[in-house]
Amino acid sequence: MRAPSKALWVRLLELLLFYFAVGGLALVLEGRVGQVAPQGWEFYAVTAALFLTLAFPGFVYQYLLRRR
């Protein structure tokens, strides 16, 4: 049996939650090593773009390569 597919807004919410979870983990690790460096909006724009880029192979597998 195949599980029902998720709505687009659920997948986008998951992506956003994972972005903040990974960022929070990185912040904790940086705090344990030394002083946490202050970041501007540019840092968050670049990390969000990088997060989406690294998530693209999973999108390709999920929607383009996997056979139904």
N, C-alpha and C. Protein backbone atom coordinates (compact mmCIF):
# COMPACT_ATOMS: atom_id res chain seq x y z
N MET A 1 0.83 -1.18 0.00
CA MET A 1 0.00 0.00 0.00
C MET A 1 0.88 1.25 0.00
N ARG A 2 0.44 2.23 -0.68
CA ARG A 2 1.17 3.49 -0.77
C ARG A 2 0.53 4.51 0.17
N ALA A 3 1.39 5.20 0.90
CA ALA A 3 0.90 6.23 1.81
C ALA A 3 0.41 7.43 1.00
N PRO A 4 -0.60 8.13 1.48
CA PRO A 4 -1.08 9.31 0.75
C PRO A 4 0.01 10.37 0.70
N SER A 5 0.07 11.10 -0.42
CA SER A 5 1.11 12.11 -0.57
C SER A 5 0.77 13.35 0.25
N LYS A 6 1.79 14.09 0.60
CA LYS A 6 1.62 15.29 1.41
C LYS A 6 1.30 16.47 0.51
N ALA A 7 0.62 17.43 1.08
CA ALA A 7 0.33 18.66 0.35
C ALA A 7 1.60 19.50 0.24
N LEU A 8 1.61 20.40 -0.72
CA LEU A 8 2.78 21.24 -0.95
C LEU A 8 3.10 22.09 0.27
N TRP A 9 2.10 22.64 0.91
CA TRP A 9 2.35 23.51 2.06
C TRP A 9 2.97 22.73 3.21
N VAL A 10 2.65 21.44 3.34
CA VAL A 10 3.24 20.61 4.40
C VAL A 10 4.71 20.39 4.11
N ARG A 11 5.04 20.11 2.85
CA ARG A 11 6.44 19.91 2.47
C ARG A 11 7.25 21.19 2.65
N LEU A 12 6.68 22.35 2.32
CA LEU A 12 7.39 23.61 2.51
C LEU A 12 7.58 23.91 4.00
N LEU A 13 6.58 23.59 4.81
CA LEU A 13 6.70 23.77 6.25
C LEU A 13 7.80 22.86 6.82
N GLU A 14 7.86 21.62 6.34
CA GLU A 14 8.92 20.72 6.77
C GLU A 14 10.29 21.27 6.39
N LEU A 15 10.41 21.78 5.18
CA LEU A 15 11.68 22.35 4.73
C LEU A 15 12.09 23.52 5.62
N LEU A 16 11.15 24.37 5.96
CA LEU A 16 11.43 25.52 6.83
C LEU A 16 11.82 25.06 8.24
N LEU A 17 11.12 24.07 8.76
CA LEU A 17 11.44 23.57 10.10
C LEU A 17 12.81 22.91 10.13
N PHE A 18 13.15 22.15 9.10
CA PHE A 18 14.47 21.53 9.04
C PHE A 18 15.57 22.57 8.90
N TYR A 19 15.30 23.64 8.16
CA TYR A 19 16.29 24.72 8.03
C TYR A 19 16.60 25.32 9.40
N PHE A 20 15.56 25.61 10.18
CA PHE A 20 15.78 26.18 11.50
C PHE A 20 16.37 25.17 12.47
N ALA A 21 16.03 23.89 12.32
CA ALA A 21 16.62 22.86 13.19
C ALA A 21 18.12 22.72 12.93
N VAL A 22 18.51 22.70 11.67
CA VAL A 22 19.94 22.61 11.33
C VAL A 22 20.66 23.88 11.76
N GLY A 23 20.04 25.03 11.56
CA GLY A 23 20.65 26.29 12.01
C GLY A 23 20.80 26.34 13.52
N GLY A 24 19.81 25.86 14.24
CA GLY A 24 19.90 25.81 15.70
C GLY A 24 21.00 24.88 16.18
N LEU A 25 21.12 23.74 15.52
CA LEU A 25 22.19 22.80 15.86
C LEU A 25 23.56 23.43 15.60
N ALA A 26 23.69 24.11 14.46
CA ALA A 26 24.95 24.78 14.14
C ALA A 26 25.26 25.87 15.17
N LEU A 27 24.25 26.59 15.60
CA LEU A 27 24.43 27.65 16.61
C LEU A 27 24.90 27.06 17.93
N VAL A 28 24.33 25.94 18.33
CA VAL A 28 24.74 25.29 19.57
C VAL A 28 26.18 24.79 19.46
N LEU A 29 26.52 24.17 18.33
CA LEU A 29 27.88 23.68 18.15
C LEU A 29 28.89 24.83 18.13
N GLU A 30 28.54 25.92 17.48
CA GLU A 30 29.43 27.08 17.44
C GLU A 30 29.60 27.67 18.84
N GLY A 31 28.54 27.68 19.61
CA GLY A 31 28.62 28.19 20.97
C GLY A 31 29.48 27.33 21.88
N ARG A 32 29.50 26.03 21.62
CA ARG A 32 30.32 25.14 22.44
C ARG A 32 31.80 25.27 22.11
N VAL A 33 32.10 25.63 20.86
CA VAL A 33 33.50 25.75 20.44
C VAL A 33 34.09 27.09 20.86
N GLY A 34 33.30 28.15 20.76
CA GLY A 34 33.82 29.47 21.09
C GLY A 34 32.71 30.50 21.06
N GLN A 35 33.06 31.70 20.71
CA GLN A 35 32.09 32.79 20.67
C GLN A 35 31.24 32.71 19.41
N VAL A 36 29.95 32.95 19.54
CA VAL A 36 29.02 32.93 18.40
C VAL A 36 29.17 34.24 17.64
N ALA A 37 29.48 34.13 16.35
CA ALA A 37 29.69 35.33 15.53
C ALA A 37 28.35 35.93 15.13
N PRO A 38 28.20 37.25 15.20
CA PRO A 38 26.96 37.88 14.75
C PRO A 38 26.83 37.78 13.23
N GLN A 39 25.60 37.58 12.75
CA GLN A 39 25.35 37.40 11.32
C GLN A 39 24.31 38.41 10.85
N GLY A 40 24.45 38.83 9.61
CA GLY A 40 23.49 39.72 8.98
C GLY A 40 22.52 38.94 8.10
N TRP A 41 21.65 39.65 7.42
CA TRP A 41 20.64 38.99 6.59
C TRP A 41 21.27 38.26 5.42
N GLU A 42 22.45 38.72 4.97
CA GLU A 42 23.12 38.07 3.84
C GLU A 42 23.48 36.62 4.17
N PHE A 43 23.93 36.41 5.39
CA PHE A 43 24.29 35.06 5.83
C PHE A 43 23.09 34.12 5.74
N TYR A 44 21.94 34.59 6.19
CA TYR A 44 20.75 33.74 6.18
C TYR A 44 20.23 33.52 4.76
N ALA A 45 20.37 34.50 3.90
CA ALA A 45 19.97 34.33 2.50
C ALA A 45 20.85 33.28 1.82
N VAL A 46 22.15 33.34 2.06
CA VAL A 46 23.06 32.38 1.45
C VAL A 46 22.83 30.98 2.00
N THR A 47 22.65 30.84 3.32
CA THR A 47 22.44 29.51 3.88
C THR A 47 21.10 28.92 3.44
N ALA A 48 20.08 29.76 3.27
CA ALA A 48 18.79 29.24 2.76
C ALA A 48 18.94 28.75 1.33
N ALA A 49 19.67 29.51 0.50
CA ALA A 49 19.89 29.08 -0.88
C ALA A 49 20.71 27.79 -0.91
N LEU A 50 21.71 27.68 -0.06
CA LEU A 50 22.51 26.47 0.01
C LEU A 50 21.68 25.29 0.51
N PHE A 51 20.82 25.52 1.47
CA PHE A 51 19.94 24.46 1.99
C PHE A 51 19.01 23.95 0.89
N LEU A 52 18.45 24.85 0.10
CA LEU A 52 17.59 24.43 -1.01
C LEU A 52 18.38 23.69 -2.08
N THR A 53 19.59 24.14 -2.35
CA THR A 53 20.43 23.47 -3.35
C THR A 53 20.77 22.06 -2.91
N LEU A 54 21.11 21.88 -1.66
CA LEU A 54 21.46 20.55 -1.17
C LEU A 54 20.24 19.65 -1.01
N ALA A 55 19.05 20.22 -0.94
CA ALA A 55 17.82 19.42 -0.87
C ALA A 55 17.35 18.97 -2.25
N PHE A 56 17.91 19.56 -3.31
CA PHE A 56 17.44 19.26 -4.66
C PHE A 56 17.61 17.79 -5.06
N PRO A 57 18.70 17.09 -4.72
CA PRO A 57 18.78 15.67 -5.08
C PRO A 57 17.64 14.83 -4.49
N GLY A 58 17.21 15.16 -3.29
CA GLY A 58 16.07 14.44 -2.71
C GLY A 58 14.79 14.71 -3.48
N PHE A 59 14.61 15.94 -3.95
CA PHE A 59 13.46 16.27 -4.78
C PHE A 59 13.49 15.50 -6.09
N VAL A 60 14.66 15.41 -6.70
CA VAL A 60 14.80 14.69 -7.97
C VAL A 60 14.46 13.22 -7.76
N TYR A 61 14.96 12.62 -6.70
CA TYR A 61 14.66 11.22 -6.44
C TYR A 61 13.18 11.02 -6.15
N GLN A 62 12.61 11.88 -5.35
CA GLN A 62 11.21 11.72 -4.93
C GLN A 62 10.24 11.87 -6.10
N TYR A 63 10.47 12.86 -6.97
CA TYR A 63 9.47 13.18 -7.98
C TYR A 63 9.86 12.80 -9.40
N LEU A 64 11.16 12.67 -9.69
CA LEU A 64 11.56 12.45 -11.07
C LEU A 64 12.11 11.05 -11.34
N LEU A 65 12.80 10.44 -10.39
CA LEU A 65 13.45 9.17 -10.64
C LEU A 65 12.68 7.96 -10.11
N ARG A 66 12.04 8.10 -8.99
CA ARG A 66 11.36 6.96 -8.38
C ARG A 66 10.16 6.55 -9.22
N ARG A 67 10.07 5.27 -9.47
CA ARG A 67 8.95 4.78 -10.28
C ARG A 67 7.77 4.45 -9.38
N ARG A 68 6.61 4.69 -9.90
CA ARG A 68 5.39 4.47 -9.11
C ARG A 68 4.82 3.10 -9.34
